[in-house]
């Protein structure tokens, strides 16, 4: 429950949605909770993570949306950066950004 509340609070804090009246004949797309265990490097449980995801497969191209865009890093880019870091003995660090998708600048 705490993980779900944390996700819900982040959605409210970042103003990613607002409740609006349902338009007549609208295709309302439902969502669901997805849960995951976040583990420490030694394999022990660090925390529970919950995400609210939309069931996008219920959308129809040209009706519910026109274009799709997902800003992700390609595996080849990651391998190139890691190769450069190793070859130059640069330190490499890992981090996790909460609600990282909210920090991108998109036109739509």
PDB file of N, CA and C in Angstrom:
ATOM      1  N   UNK A   1       0.827  -1.195   0.000  1.00  0.00           N
ATOM      2  CA  UNK A   1       0.000   0.000   0.000  1.00  0.00           C
ATOM      3  C   UNK A   1       0.868   1.254   0.000  1.00  0.00           C
ATOM      4  N   UNK A   2       1.988   1.214   0.728  1.00  0.00           N
ATOM      5  CA  UNK A   2       2.863   2.388   0.785  1.00  0.00           C
ATOM      6  C   UNK A   2       3.456   2.691  -0.588  1.00  0.00           C
ATOM      7  N   UNK A   3       3.811   1.653  -1.344  1.00  0.00           N
ATOM      8  CA  UNK A   3       4.368   1.848  -2.684  1.00  0.00           C
ATOM      9  C   UNK A   3       3.320   2.465  -3.615  1.00  0.00           C
ATOM     10  N   UNK A   4       2.078   2.019  -3.504  1.00  0.00           N
ATOM     11  CA  UNK A   4       1.006   2.591  -4.321  1.00  0.00           C
ATOM     12  C   UNK A   4       0.774   4.054  -3.950  1.00  0.00           C
ATOM     13  N   UNK A   5       0.794   4.350  -2.667  1.00  0.00           N
ATOM     14  CA  UNK A   5       0.585   5.731  -2.215  1.00  0.00           C
ATOM     15  C   UNK A   5       1.715   6.634  -2.691  1.00  0.00           C
ATOM     16  N   UNK A   6       2.947   6.116  -2.664  1.00  0.00           N
ATOM     17  CA  UNK A   6       4.101   6.888  -3.145  1.00  0.00           C
ATOM     18  C   UNK A   6       3.953   7.228  -4.629  1.00  0.00           C
ATOM     19  N   UNK A   7       3.511   6.261  -5.434  1.00  0.00           N
ATOM     20  CA  UNK A   7       3.295   6.498  -6.863  1.00  0.00           C
ATOM     21  C   UNK A   7       2.170   7.495  -7.083  1.00  0.00           C
ATOM     22  N   UNK A   8       1.080   7.342  -6.373  1.00  0.00           N
ATOM     23  CA  UNK A   8      -0.062   8.249  -6.509  1.00  0.00           C
ATOM     24  C   UNK A   8       0.335   9.658  -6.122  1.00  0.00           C
ATOM     25  N   UNK A   9       1.063   9.811  -5.019  1.00  0.00           N
ATOM     26  CA  UNK A   9       1.522  11.137  -4.580  1.00  0.00           C
ATOM     27  C   UNK A   9       2.433  11.778  -5.617  1.00  0.00           C
ATOM     28  N   UNK A  10       3.300  10.981  -6.250  1.00  0.00           N
ATOM     29  CA  UNK A  10       4.192  11.515  -7.287  1.00  0.00           C
ATOM     30  C   UNK A  10       3.394  11.995  -8.493  1.00  0.00           C
ATOM     31  N   UNK A  11       2.347  11.264  -8.870  1.00  0.00           N
ATOM     32  CA  UNK A  11       1.503  11.689  -9.988  1.00  0.00           C
ATOM     33  C   UNK A  11       0.807  13.007  -9.673  1.00  0.00           C
ATOM     34  N   UNK A  12       0.328  13.161  -8.442  1.00  0.00           N
ATOM     35  CA  UNK A  12      -0.311  14.415  -8.043  1.00  0.00           C
ATOM     36  C   UNK A  12       0.703  15.548  -7.957  1.00  0.00           C
ATOM     37  N   UNK A  13       1.843  15.274  -7.339  1.00  0.00           N
ATOM     38  CA  UNK A  13       2.882  16.293  -7.147  1.00  0.00           C
ATOM     39  C   UNK A  13       3.396  16.831  -8.480  1.00  0.00           C
ATOM     40  N   UNK A  14       3.530  15.957  -9.466  1.00  0.00           N
ATOM     41  CA  UNK A  14       4.042  16.365 -10.770  1.00  0.00           C
ATOM     42  C   UNK A  14       2.946  16.831 -11.729  1.00  0.00           C
ATOM     43  N   UNK A  15       1.713  16.837 -11.250  1.00  0.00           N
ATOM     44  CA  UNK A  15       0.561  17.288 -12.037  1.00  0.00           C
ATOM     45  C   UNK A  15       0.505  16.598 -13.402  1.00  0.00           C
ATOM     46  N   UNK A  16       0.592  15.281 -13.398  1.00  0.00           N
ATOM     47  CA  UNK A  16       0.592  14.523 -14.643  1.00  0.00           C
ATOM     48  C   UNK A  16      -0.802  14.176 -15.123  1.00  0.00           C
ATOM     49  N   UNK A  17      -1.809  14.416 -14.335  1.00  0.00           N
ATOM     50  CA  UNK A  17      -3.161  14.122 -14.761  1.00  0.00           C
ATOM     51  C   UNK A  17      -4.136  14.972 -13.968  1.00  0.00           C
ATOM     52  N   UNK A  18      -5.333  15.065 -14.486  1.00  0.00           N
ATOM     53  CA  UNK A  18      -6.414  15.724 -13.759  1.00  0.00           C
ATOM     54  C   UNK A  18      -7.721  15.003 -14.072  1.00  0.00           C
ATOM     55  N   UNK A  19      -8.609  14.994 -13.127  1.00  0.00           N
ATOM     56  CA  UNK A  19      -9.891  14.340 -13.301  1.00  0.00           C
ATOM     57  C   UNK A  19     -10.808  15.267 -14.089  1.00  0.00           C
ATOM     58  N   UNK A  20     -11.377  14.758 -15.162  1.00  0.00           N
ATOM     59  CA  UNK A  20     -12.265  15.552 -16.012  1.00  0.00           C
ATOM     60  C   UNK A  20     -13.549  14.757 -16.260  1.00  0.00           C
ATOM     61  N   UNK A  21     -14.622  15.449 -16.625  1.00  0.00           N
ATOM     62  CA  UNK A  21     -15.848  14.719 -16.951  1.00  0.00           C
ATOM     63  C   UNK A  21     -15.631  13.855 -18.198  1.00  0.00           C
ATOM     64  N   UNK A  22     -16.278  12.716 -18.236  1.00  0.00           N
ATOM     65  CA  UNK A  22     -16.145  11.815 -19.379  1.00  0.00           C
ATOM     66  C   UNK A  22     -16.941  12.362 -20.571  1.00  0.00           C
ATOM     67  N   UNK A  23     -16.262  12.570 -21.703  1.00  0.00           N
ATOM     68  CA  UNK A  23     -16.991  13.006 -22.907  1.00  0.00           C
ATOM     69  C   UNK A  23     -17.909  11.885 -23.407  1.00  0.00           C
ATOM     70  N   UNK A  24     -19.002  12.264 -24.021  1.00  0.00           N
ATOM     71  CA  UNK A  24     -19.925  11.270 -24.575  1.00  0.00           C
ATOM     72  C   UNK A  24     -19.204  10.448 -25.639  1.00  0.00           C
ATOM     73  N   UNK A  25     -19.428   9.172 -25.658  1.00  0.00           N
ATOM     74  CA  UNK A  25     -18.878   8.238 -26.646  1.00  0.00           C
ATOM     75  C   UNK A  25     -17.350   8.171 -26.621  1.00  0.00           C
ATOM     76  N   UNK A  26     -16.740   8.540 -25.494  1.00  0.00           N
ATOM     77  CA  UNK A  26     -15.275   8.483 -25.386  1.00  0.00           C
ATOM     78  C   UNK A  26     -14.824   7.058 -25.119  1.00  0.00           C
ATOM     79  N   UNK A  27     -13.688   6.690 -25.691  1.00  0.00           N
ATOM     80  CA  UNK A  27     -13.069   5.403 -25.415  1.00  0.00           C
ATOM     81  C   UNK A  27     -12.193   5.590 -24.177  1.00  0.00           C
ATOM     82  N   UNK A  28     -12.730   5.304 -23.027  1.00  0.00           N
ATOM     83  CA  UNK A  28     -11.984   5.475 -21.785  1.00  0.00           C
ATOM     84  C   UNK A  28     -11.022   4.306 -21.643  1.00  0.00           C
ATOM     85  N   UNK A  29      -9.763   4.616 -21.476  1.00  0.00           N
ATOM     86  CA  UNK A  29      -8.725   3.599 -21.396  1.00  0.00           C
ATOM     87  C   UNK A  29      -8.402   3.345 -19.931  1.00  0.00           C
ATOM     88  N   UNK A  30      -8.560   2.114 -19.527  1.00  0.00           N
ATOM     89  CA  UNK A  30      -8.335   1.763 -18.130  1.00  0.00           C
ATOM     90  C   UNK A  30      -6.845   1.562 -17.865  1.00  0.00           C
ATOM     91  N   UNK A  31      -6.531   1.385 -16.605  1.00  0.00           N
ATOM     92  CA  UNK A  31      -5.151   1.130 -16.213  1.00  0.00           C
ATOM     93  C   UNK A  31      -5.109   0.030 -15.171  1.00  0.00           C
ATOM     94  N   UNK A  32      -3.902  -0.273 -14.729  1.00  0.00           N
ATOM     95  CA  UNK A  32      -3.747  -1.275 -13.672  1.00  0.00           C
ATOM     96  C   UNK A  32      -2.455  -1.010 -12.923  1.00  0.00           C
ATOM     97  N   UNK A  33      -2.368  -1.561 -11.736  1.00  0.00           N
ATOM     98  CA  UNK A  33      -1.159  -1.456 -10.936  1.00  0.00           C
ATOM     99  C   UNK A  33      -0.210  -2.583 -11.316  1.00  0.00           C
ATOM    100  N   UNK A  34       1.074  -2.241 -11.448  1.00  0.00           N
ATOM    101  CA  UNK A  34       2.129  -3.224 -11.695  1.00  0.00           C
ATOM    102  C   UNK A  34       3.105  -3.121 -10.526  1.00  0.00           C
ATOM    103  N   UNK A  35       3.429  -4.247  -9.931  1.00  0.00           N
ATOM    104  CA  UNK A  35       4.279  -4.269  -8.741  1.00  0.00           C
ATOM    105  C   UNK A  35       5.615  -4.941  -9.045  1.00  0.00           C
ATOM    106  N   UNK A  36       6.648  -4.466  -8.372  1.00  0.00           N
ATOM    107  CA  UNK A  36       7.983  -5.007  -8.577  1.00  0.00           C
ATOM    108  C   UNK A  36       8.762  -4.948  -7.272  1.00  0.00           C
ATOM    109  N   UNK A  37       9.646  -5.926  -7.083  1.00  0.00           N
ATOM    110  CA  UNK A  37      10.562  -5.905  -5.943  1.00  0.00           C
ATOM    111  C   UNK A  37      11.863  -5.262  -6.400  1.00  0.00           C
ATOM    112  N   UNK A  38      12.320  -4.242  -5.709  1.00  0.00           N
ATOM    113  CA  UNK A  38      13.626  -3.648  -5.980  1.00  0.00           C
ATOM    114  C   UNK A  38      14.613  -4.307  -5.021  1.00  0.00           C
ATOM    115  N   UNK A  39      15.670  -4.885  -5.576  1.00  0.00           N
ATOM    116  CA  UNK A  39      16.627  -5.638  -4.775  1.00  0.00           C
ATOM    117  C   UNK A  39      17.936  -4.884  -4.609  1.00  0.00           C
ATOM    118  N   UNK A  40      18.609  -5.146  -3.509  1.00  0.00           N
ATOM    119  CA  UNK A  40      19.955  -4.624  -3.278  1.00  0.00           C
ATOM    120  C   UNK A  40      20.943  -5.482  -4.068  1.00  0.00           C
ATOM    121  N   UNK A  41      22.193  -5.019  -4.226  1.00  0.00           N
ATOM    122  CA  UNK A  41      23.184  -5.828  -4.959  1.00  0.00           C
ATOM    123  C   UNK A  41      23.384  -7.231  -4.397  1.00  0.00           C
ATOM    124  N   UNK A  42      23.148  -7.400  -3.088  1.00  0.00           N
ATOM    125  CA  UNK A  42      23.334  -8.730  -2.498  1.00  0.00           C
ATOM    126  C   UNK A  42      22.102  -9.621  -2.650  1.00  0.00           C
ATOM    127  N   UNK A  43      21.062  -9.108  -3.303  1.00  0.00           N
ATOM    128  CA  UNK A  43      19.866  -9.899  -3.566  1.00  0.00           C
ATOM    129  C   UNK A  43      18.771  -9.776  -2.532  1.00  0.00           C
ATOM    130  N   UNK A  44      19.006  -9.044  -1.454  1.00  0.00           N
ATOM    131  CA  UNK A  44      17.969  -8.858  -0.444  1.00  0.00           C
ATOM    132  C   UNK A  44      16.997  -7.769  -0.881  1.00  0.00           C
ATOM    133  N   UNK A  45      15.802  -7.795  -0.327  1.00  0.00           N
ATOM    134  CA  UNK A  45      14.755  -6.850  -0.692  1.00  0.00           C
ATOM    135  C   UNK A  45      15.102  -5.450  -0.210  1.00  0.00           C
ATOM    136  N   UNK A  46      15.080  -4.498  -1.122  1.00  0.00           N
ATOM    137  CA  UNK A  46      15.322  -3.095  -0.774  1.00  0.00           C
ATOM    138  C   UNK A  46      14.001  -2.398  -0.505  1.00  0.00           C
ATOM    139  N   UNK A  47      13.055  -2.525  -1.467  1.00  0.00           N
ATOM    140  CA  UNK A  47      11.752  -1.889  -1.299  1.00  0.00           C
ATOM    141  C   UNK A  47      10.784  -2.451  -2.337  1.00  0.00           C
ATOM    142  N   UNK A  48       9.534  -2.140  -2.123  1.00  0.00           N
ATOM    143  CA  UNK A  48       8.496  -2.494  -3.083  1.00  0.00           C
ATOM    144  C   UNK A  48       8.248  -1.288  -3.984  1.00  0.00           C
ATOM    145  N   UNK A  49       7.991  -1.553  -5.252  1.00  0.00           N
ATOM    146  CA  UNK A  49       7.735  -0.479  -6.199  1.00  0.00           C
ATOM    147  C   UNK A  49       6.400  -0.742  -6.881  1.00  0.00           C
ATOM    148  N   UNK A  50       5.599   0.293  -7.028  1.00  0.00           N
ATOM    149  CA  UNK A  50       4.305   0.173  -7.691  1.00  0.00           C
ATOM    150  C   UNK A  50       4.224   1.226  -8.784  1.00  0.00           C
ATOM    151  N   UNK A  51       3.665   0.859  -9.912  1.00  0.00           N
ATOM    152  CA  UNK A  51       3.489   1.786 -11.029  1.00  0.00           C
ATOM    153  C   UNK A  51       2.071   1.654 -11.549  1.00  0.00           C
ATOM    154  N   UNK A  52       1.446   2.775 -11.841  1.00  0.00           N
ATOM    155  CA  UNK A  52       0.136   2.789 -12.480  1.00  0.00           C
ATOM    156  C   UNK A  52       0.386   2.873 -13.978  1.00  0.00           C
ATOM    157  N   UNK A  53      -0.064   1.890 -14.727  1.00  0.00           N
ATOM    158  CA  UNK A  53       0.161   1.859 -16.170  1.00  0.00           C
ATOM    159  C   UNK A  53      -1.185   1.822 -16.898  1.00  0.00           C
ATOM    160  N   UNK A  54      -1.197   2.426 -18.064  1.00  0.00           N
ATOM    161  CA  UNK A  54      -2.400   2.483 -18.882  1.00  0.00           C
ATOM    162  C   UNK A  54      -2.394   1.306 -19.838  1.00  0.00           C
ATOM    163  N   UNK A  55      -3.531   0.750 -20.078  1.00  0.00           N
ATOM    164  CA  UNK A  55      -3.671  -0.370 -21.012  1.00  0.00           C
ATOM    165  C   UNK A  55      -3.804   0.187 -22.428  1.00  0.00           C
ATOM    166  N   UNK A  56      -2.675   0.623 -22.971  1.00  0.00           N
ATOM    167  CA  UNK A  56      -2.650   1.284 -24.272  1.00  0.00           C
ATOM    168  C   UNK A  56      -3.128   0.425 -25.422  1.00  0.00           C
ATOM    169  N   UNK A  57      -3.147  -0.887 -25.249  1.00  0.00           N
ATOM    170  CA  UNK A  57      -3.609  -1.765 -26.317  1.00  0.00           C
ATOM    171  C   UNK A  57      -5.094  -1.557 -26.613  1.00  0.00           C
ATOM    172  N   UNK A  58      -5.791  -0.806 -25.774  1.00  0.00           N
ATOM    173  CA  UNK A  58      -7.212  -0.530 -26.002  1.00  0.00           C
ATOM    174  C   UNK A  58      -7.422   0.705 -26.871  1.00  0.00           C
ATOM    175  N   UNK A  59      -6.323   1.373 -27.267  1.00  0.00           N
ATOM    176  CA  UNK A  59      -6.416   2.550 -28.119  1.00  0.00           C
ATOM    177  C   UNK A  59      -6.438   2.139 -29.587  1.00  0.00           C
ATOM    178  N   UNK A  60      -6.962   3.019 -30.419  1.00  0.00           N
ATOM    179  CA  UNK A  60      -7.033   2.785 -31.855  1.00  0.00           C
ATOM    180  C   UNK A  60      -6.289   3.905 -32.583  1.00  0.00           C
ATOM    181  N   UNK A  61      -5.316   3.523 -33.418  1.00  0.00           N
ATOM    182  CA  UNK A  61      -4.519   4.506 -34.159  1.00  0.00           C
ATOM    183  C   UNK A  61      -5.431   5.375 -35.022  1.00  0.00           C
ATOM    184  N   UNK A  62      -5.170   6.685 -35.010  1.00  0.00           N
ATOM    185  CA  UNK A  62      -5.955   7.622 -35.792  1.00  0.00           C
ATOM    186  C   UNK A  62      -7.239   8.059 -35.117  1.00  0.00           C
ATOM    187  N   UNK A  63      -7.624   7.354 -34.053  1.00  0.00           N
ATOM    188  CA  UNK A  63      -8.838   7.727 -33.314  1.00  0.00           C
ATOM    189  C   UNK A  63      -8.458   8.250 -31.930  1.00  0.00           C
ATOM    190  N   UNK A  64      -7.745   7.443 -31.163  1.00  0.00           N
ATOM    191  CA  UNK A  64      -7.346   7.822 -29.812  1.00  0.00           C
ATOM    192  C   UNK A  64      -5.973   8.498 -29.779  1.00  0.00           C
ATOM    193  N   UNK A  65      -5.166   8.288 -30.811  1.00  0.00           N
ATOM    194  CA  UNK A  65      -3.841   8.902 -30.876  1.00  0.00           C
ATOM    195  C   UNK A  65      -3.392   8.957 -32.324  1.00  0.00           C
ATOM    196  N   UNK A  66      -2.421   9.839 -32.587  1.00  0.00           N
ATOM    197  CA  UNK A  66      -1.866   9.951 -33.933  1.00  0.00           C
ATOM    198  C   UNK A  66      -0.439   9.427 -33.994  1.00  0.00           C
ATOM    199  N   UNK A  67       0.407   9.879 -33.088  1.00  0.00           N
ATOM    200  CA  UNK A  67       1.812   9.487 -33.085  1.00  0.00           C
ATOM    201  C   UNK A  67       2.173   8.903 -31.726  1.00  0.00           C
ATOM    202  N   UNK A  68       3.244   8.126 -31.712  1.00  0.00           N
ATOM    203  CA  UNK A  68       3.791   7.641 -30.454  1.00  0.00           C
ATOM    204  C   UNK A  68       5.263   8.009 -30.392  1.00  0.00           C
ATOM    205  N   UNK A  69       5.759   8.217 -29.169  1.00  0.00           N
ATOM    206  CA  UNK A  69       7.152   8.563 -28.984  1.00  0.00           C
ATOM    207  C   UNK A  69       7.575   8.088 -27.605  1.00  0.00           C
ATOM    208  N   UNK A  70       8.673   7.379 -27.535  1.00  0.00           N
ATOM    209  CA  UNK A  70       9.197   6.905 -26.256  1.00  0.00           C
ATOM    210  C   UNK A  70      10.685   7.240 -26.187  1.00  0.00           C
ATOM    211  N   UNK A  71      11.046   8.249 -25.384  1.00  0.00           N
ATOM    212  CA  UNK A  71      12.462   8.619 -25.275  1.00  0.00           C
ATOM    213  C   UNK A  71      13.241   7.593 -24.444  1.00  0.00           C
ATOM    214  N   UNK A  72      13.929   6.698 -25.116  1.00  0.00           N
ATOM    215  CA  UNK A  72      14.708   5.667 -24.439  1.00  0.00           C
ATOM    216  C   UNK A  72      16.121   5.641 -25.011  1.00  0.00           C
ATOM    217  N   UNK A  73      17.025   5.084 -24.244  1.00  0.00           N
ATOM    218  CA  UNK A  73      18.407   4.943 -24.688  1.00  0.00           C
ATOM    219  C   UNK A  73      18.574   3.566 -25.324  1.00  0.00           C
ATOM    220  N   UNK A  74      19.172   3.534 -26.487  1.00  0.00           N
ATOM    221  CA  UNK A  74      19.390   2.261 -27.174  1.00  0.00           C
ATOM    222  C   UNK A  74      20.563   1.519 -26.529  1.00  0.00           C
ATOM    223  N   UNK A  75      20.491   0.184 -26.506  1.00  0.00           N
ATOM    224  CA  UNK A  75      21.580  -0.603 -25.898  1.00  0.00           C
ATOM    225  C   UNK A  75      22.945  -0.307 -26.515  1.00  0.00           C
ATOM    226  N   UNK A  76      23.007  -0.047 -27.821  1.00  0.00           N
ATOM    227  CA  UNK A  76      24.283   0.269 -28.462  1.00  0.00           C
ATOM    228  C   UNK A  76      24.907   1.532 -27.907  1.00  0.00           C
ATOM    229  N   UNK A  77      24.078   2.518 -27.559  1.00  0.00           N
ATOM    230  CA  UNK A  77      24.577   3.766 -26.972  1.00  0.00           C
ATOM    231  C   UNK A  77      25.169   3.502 -25.596  1.00  0.00           C
ATOM    232  N   UNK A  78      24.500   2.684 -24.809  1.00  0.00           N
ATOM    233  CA  UNK A  78      25.001   2.344 -23.475  1.00  0.00           C
ATOM    234  C   UNK A  78      26.337   1.613 -23.583  1.00  0.00           C
ATOM    235  N   UNK A  79      26.425   0.650 -24.499  1.00  0.00           N
ATOM    236  CA  UNK A  79      27.687  -0.083 -24.683  1.00  0.00           C
ATOM    237  C   UNK A  79      28.807   0.863 -25.111  1.00  0.00           C
ATOM    238  N   UNK A  80      28.522   1.825 -25.981  1.00  0.00           N
ATOM    239  CA  UNK A  80      29.545   2.771 -26.444  1.00  0.00           C
ATOM    240  C   UNK A  80      30.045   3.629 -25.297  1.00  0.00           C
ATOM    241  N   UNK A  81      29.126   4.149 -24.505  1.00  0.00           N
ATOM    242  CA  UNK A  81      29.524   4.995 -23.370  1.00  0.00           C
ATOM    243  C   UNK A  81      30.333   4.188 -22.358  1.00  0.00           C
ATOM    244  N   UNK A  82      29.900   2.967 -22.057  1.00  0.00           N
ATOM    245  CA  UNK A  82      30.657   2.133 -21.118  1.00  0.00           C
ATOM    246  C   UNK A  82      32.037   1.783 -21.673  1.00  0.00           C
ATOM    247  N   UNK A  83      32.127   1.531 -22.971  1.00  0.00           N
ATOM    248  CA  UNK A  83      33.418   1.248 -23.606  1.00  0.00           C
ATOM    249  C   UNK A  83      34.363   2.438 -23.453  1.00  0.00           C
ATOM    250  N   UNK A  84      33.852   3.637 -23.697  1.00  0.00           N
ATOM    251  CA  UNK A  84      34.675   4.841 -23.525  1.00  0.00           C
ATOM    252  C   UNK A  84      35.133   4.997 -22.079  1.00  0.00           C
ATOM    253  N   UNK A  85      34.220   4.769 -21.147  1.00  0.00           N
ATOM    254  CA  UNK A  85      34.565   4.917 -19.735  1.00  0.00           C
ATOM    255  C   UNK A  85      35.645   3.924 -19.321  1.00  0.00           C
ATOM    256  N   UNK A  86      35.534   2.678 -19.756  1.00  0.00           N
ATOM    257  CA  UNK A  86      36.528   1.658 -19.402  1.00  0.00           C
ATOM    258  C   UNK A  86      37.870   1.966 -20.061  1.00  0.00           C
ATOM    259  N   UNK A  87      37.846   2.342 -21.332  1.00  0.00           N
ATOM    260  CA  UNK A  87      39.105   2.586 -22.047  1.00  0.00           C
ATOM    261  C   UNK A  87      39.847   3.808 -21.510  1.00  0.00           C
ATOM    262  N   UNK A  88      39.130   4.723 -20.882  1.00  0.00           N
ATOM    263  CA  UNK A  88      39.768   5.924 -20.331  1.00  0.00           C
ATOM    264  C   UNK A  88      39.835   5.902 -18.804  1.00  0.00           C
ATOM    265  N   UNK A  89      39.458   4.781 -18.213  1.00  0.00           N
ATOM    266  CA  UNK A  89      39.484   4.596 -16.751  1.00  0.00           C
ATOM    267  C   UNK A  89      38.641   5.644 -16.028  1.00  0.00           C
ATOM    268  N   UNK A  90      37.509   6.022 -16.633  1.00  0.00           N
ATOM    269  CA  UNK A  90      36.587   6.958 -15.997  1.00  0.00           C
ATOM    270  C   UNK A  90      35.733   6.203 -14.974  1.00  0.00           C
ATOM    271  N   UNK A  91      35.377   6.854 -13.873  1.00  0.00           N
ATOM    272  CA  UNK A  91      34.478   6.196 -12.919  1.00  0.00           C
ATOM    273  C   UNK A  91      33.057   6.127 -13.505  1.00  0.00           C
ATOM    274  N   UNK A  92      32.367   5.062 -13.207  1.00  0.00           N
ATOM    275  CA  UNK A  92      30.993   4.875 -13.676  1.00  0.00           C
ATOM    276  C   UNK A  92      30.101   4.695 -12.456  1.00  0.00           C
ATOM    277  N   UNK A  93      28.970   5.399 -12.436  1.00  0.00           N
ATOM    278  CA  UNK A  93      28.025   5.318 -11.326  1.00  0.00           C
ATOM    279  C   UNK A  93      26.636   5.016 -11.871  1.00  0.00           C
ATOM    280  N   UNK A  94      25.829   4.356 -11.080  1.00  0.00           N
ATOM    281  CA  UNK A  94      24.451   4.065 -11.447  1.00  0.00           C
ATOM    282  C   UNK A  94      23.539   4.873 -10.547  1.00  0.00           C
ATOM    283  N   UNK A  95      22.411   5.311 -11.101  1.00  0.00           N
ATOM    284  CA  UNK A  95      21.437   6.040 -10.290  1.00  0.00           C
ATOM    285  C   UNK A  95      20.035   5.733 -10.795  1.00  0.00           C
ATOM    286  N   UNK A  96      19.063   6.019  -9.978  1.00  0.00           N
ATOM    287  CA  UNK A  96      17.670   5.809 -10.334  1.00  0.00           C
ATOM    288  C   UNK A  96      16.949   7.131 -10.151  1.00  0.00           C
ATOM    289  N   UNK A  97      16.216   7.570 -11.157  1.00  0.00           N
ATOM    290  CA  UNK A  97      15.461   8.816 -11.089  1.00  0.00           C
ATOM    291  C   UNK A  97      13.990   8.452 -10.939  1.00  0.00           C
ATOM    292  N   UNK A  98      13.384   8.886  -9.840  1.00  0.00           N
ATOM    293  CA  UNK A  98      11.966   8.608  -9.635  1.00  0.00           C
ATOM    294  C   UNK A  98      11.139   9.339 -10.681  1.00  0.00           C
ATOM    295  N   UNK A  99      10.221   8.637 -11.288  1.00  0.00           N
ATOM    296  CA  UNK A  99       9.343   9.203 -12.316  1.00  0.00           C
ATOM    297  C   UNK A  99      10.138   9.903 -13.404  1.00  0.00           C
ATOM    298  N   UNK A 100      11.189   9.241 -13.885  1.00  0.00           N
ATOM    299  CA  UNK A 100      12.093   9.844 -14.873  1.00  0.00           C
ATOM    300  C   UNK A 100      11.363  10.300 -16.123  1.00  0.00           C
ATOM    301  N   UNK A 101      10.312   9.584 -16.527  1.00  0.00           N
ATOM    302  CA  UNK A 101       9.591   9.954 -17.742  1.00  0.00           C
ATOM    303  C   UNK A 101       8.964  11.339 -17.635  1.00  0.00           C
ATOM    304  N   UNK A 102       8.778  11.839 -16.430  1.00  0.00           N
ATOM    305  CA  UNK A 102       8.169  13.160 -16.247  1.00  0.00           C
ATOM    306  C   UNK A 102       9.138  14.298 -16.486  1.00  0.00           C
ATOM    307  N   UNK A 103      10.428  13.999 -16.564  1.00  0.00           N
ATOM    308  CA  UNK A 103      11.431  15.043 -16.677  1.00  0.00           C
ATOM    309  C   UNK A 103      11.827  15.329 -18.128  1.00  0.00           C
ATOM    310  N   UNK A 104      11.214  14.651 -19.072  1.00  0.00           N
ATOM    311  CA  UNK A 104      11.491  14.892 -20.484  1.00  0.00           C
ATOM    312  C   UNK A 104      10.627  16.025 -21.014  1.00  0.00           C
ATOM    313  N   UNK A 105      11.097  16.699 -22.063  1.00  0.00           N
ATOM    314  CA  UNK A 105      10.337  17.792 -22.667  1.00  0.00           C
ATOM    315  C   UNK A 105       9.761  17.294 -23.988  1.00  0.00           C
ATOM    316  N   UNK A 106       8.459  17.090 -24.006  1.00  0.00           N
ATOM    317  CA  UNK A 106       7.787  16.596 -25.191  1.00  0.00           C
ATOM    318  C   UNK A 106       6.796  17.642 -25.681  1.00  0.00           C
ATOM    319  N   UNK A 107       6.530  17.651 -26.969  1.00  0.00           N
ATOM    320  CA  UNK A 107       5.576  18.583 -27.543  1.00  0.00           C
ATOM    321  C   UNK A 107       4.133  18.140 -27.311  1.00  0.00           C
ATOM    322  N   UNK A 108       3.902  16.829 -27.139  1.00  0.00           N
ATOM    323  CA  UNK A 108       2.539  16.323 -26.987  1.00  0.00           C
ATOM    324  C   UNK A 108       2.389  15.578 -25.680  1.00  0.00           C
TER     325      UNK A 108
END
